[in-house]
């Protein structure tokens, strides 16, 4: 299994959750996440008002490919919205 950690602008929250629900058994969502990266800072302040959300998703490799492909299509539709996906091997111990 693979663990995906998906960081994205709150503006596409509904779309991201729908993509994950279609391709994985479940998710854990973190809302109101602040940070800085290659796009404008997302700090939830008057100067930098944007905010991010994160999804943590355990998925098989086939589901990962479907998620990444769907997110790529979403990013083409909304090119100015920041989305990042990180992955690591996952081993369930309980």
Protein backbone atom coordinates (compact mmCIF):
# COMPACT_ATOMS: atom_id res chain seq x y z
CA UNK A 1 0.00 0.00 0.00
CA UNK A 2 0.92 3.62 -0.51
CA UNK A 3 0.24 6.58 1.78
CA UNK A 4 -0.62 9.76 -0.12
CA UNK A 5 -0.36 13.09 1.65
CA UNK A 6 -2.18 15.65 -0.47
CA UNK A 7 -1.84 19.38 0.24
CA UNK A 8 -4.17 21.65 -1.72
CA UNK A 9 -5.89 25.03 -1.76
CA UNK A 10 -9.21 25.05 0.06
CA UNK A 11 -10.88 26.33 -3.13
CA UNK A 12 -10.81 22.81 -4.62
CA UNK A 13 -11.75 20.91 -1.46
CA UNK A 14 -14.96 19.37 -2.81
CA UNK A 15 -13.25 18.21 -6.00
CA UNK A 16 -10.31 16.68 -4.11
CA UNK A 17 -12.53 14.80 -1.68
CA UNK A 18 -14.64 13.48 -4.56
CA UNK A 19 -11.53 12.24 -6.39
CA UNK A 20 -10.35 10.39 -3.29
CA UNK A 21 -13.78 8.92 -2.54
CA UNK A 22 -13.96 7.52 -6.08
CA UNK A 23 -10.55 5.84 -5.88
CA UNK A 24 -9.81 4.93 -2.26
CA UNK A 25 -11.58 3.32 0.66
CA UNK A 26 -11.38 6.38 2.87
CA UNK A 27 -9.32 9.36 3.95
CA UNK A 28 -8.32 11.56 6.84
CA UNK A 29 -8.73 15.31 6.28
CA UNK A 30 -6.89 18.17 7.95
CA UNK A 31 -8.59 21.54 7.43
CA UNK A 32 -7.26 25.06 7.75
CA UNK A 33 -3.62 24.12 7.22
CA UNK A 34 -1.17 26.99 6.83
CA UNK A 35 2.09 26.95 4.91
CA UNK A 36 4.49 28.39 2.39
CA UNK A 37 5.86 26.75 -0.72
CA UNK A 38 6.28 27.47 -4.41
CA UNK A 39 2.98 29.38 -4.65
CA UNK A 40 1.78 32.32 -2.58
CA UNK A 41 1.84 31.69 1.18
CA UNK A 42 -1.38 30.21 2.54
CA UNK A 43 -1.48 31.70 6.03
CA UNK A 44 -5.10 32.68 6.61
CA UNK A 45 -4.14 36.31 7.37
CA UNK A 46 -5.22 39.65 5.92
CA UNK A 47 -2.02 39.82 3.89
CA UNK A 48 -1.95 36.15 2.85
CA UNK A 49 -5.61 35.10 3.12
CA UNK A 50 -5.50 31.70 1.44
CA UNK A 51 -5.71 28.46 3.40
CA UNK A 52 -4.89 24.85 2.58
CA UNK A 53 -6.40 21.51 3.44
CA UNK A 54 -4.67 18.13 3.48
CA UNK A 55 -5.87 14.62 2.77
CA UNK A 56 -4.09 11.54 4.05
CA UNK A 57 -5.06 8.51 1.96
CA UNK A 58 -4.02 4.84 2.15
CA UNK A 59 -4.39 3.31 -1.29
CA UNK A 60 -3.15 0.50 -3.53
CA UNK A 61 -0.86 1.44 -6.44
CA UNK A 62 -3.70 1.23 -8.98
CA UNK A 63 -5.80 3.63 -6.92
CA UNK A 64 -2.82 5.96 -6.59
CA UNK A 65 -2.49 6.23 -10.36
CA UNK A 66 -6.19 7.01 -10.74
CA UNK A 67 -5.99 9.69 -8.04
CA UNK A 68 -2.90 11.32 -9.55
CA UNK A 69 -4.42 11.28 -13.06
CA UNK A 70 -7.66 12.84 -11.77
CA UNK A 71 -5.75 15.50 -9.83
CA UNK A 72 -3.72 16.29 -12.95
CA UNK A 73 -6.97 16.89 -14.85
CA UNK A 74 -8.22 19.11 -12.00
CA UNK A 75 -4.98 21.13 -12.10
CA UNK A 76 -5.40 21.64 -15.85
CA UNK A 77 -8.88 22.99 -15.21
CA UNK A 78 -7.66 25.29 -12.40
CA UNK A 79 -3.99 26.02 -13.22
CA UNK A 80 -3.50 28.69 -10.55
CA UNK A 81 -4.64 26.50 -7.65
CA UNK A 82 -1.79 24.83 -5.79
CA UNK A 83 -1.94 21.07 -5.30
CA UNK A 84 0.92 18.85 -4.10
CA UNK A 85 0.91 15.08 -3.59
CA UNK A 86 3.56 13.24 -1.60
CA UNK A 87 3.78 9.46 -1.24
CA UNK A 88 5.53 6.87 0.86
CA UNK A 89 5.29 3.12 1.36
CA UNK A 90 2.76 2.12 3.96
CA UNK A 91 2.68 -0.88 6.25
CA UNK A 92 -0.34 -1.31 8.52
CA UNK A 93 0.76 -2.57 11.94
CA UNK A 94 -2.61 -2.67 13.68
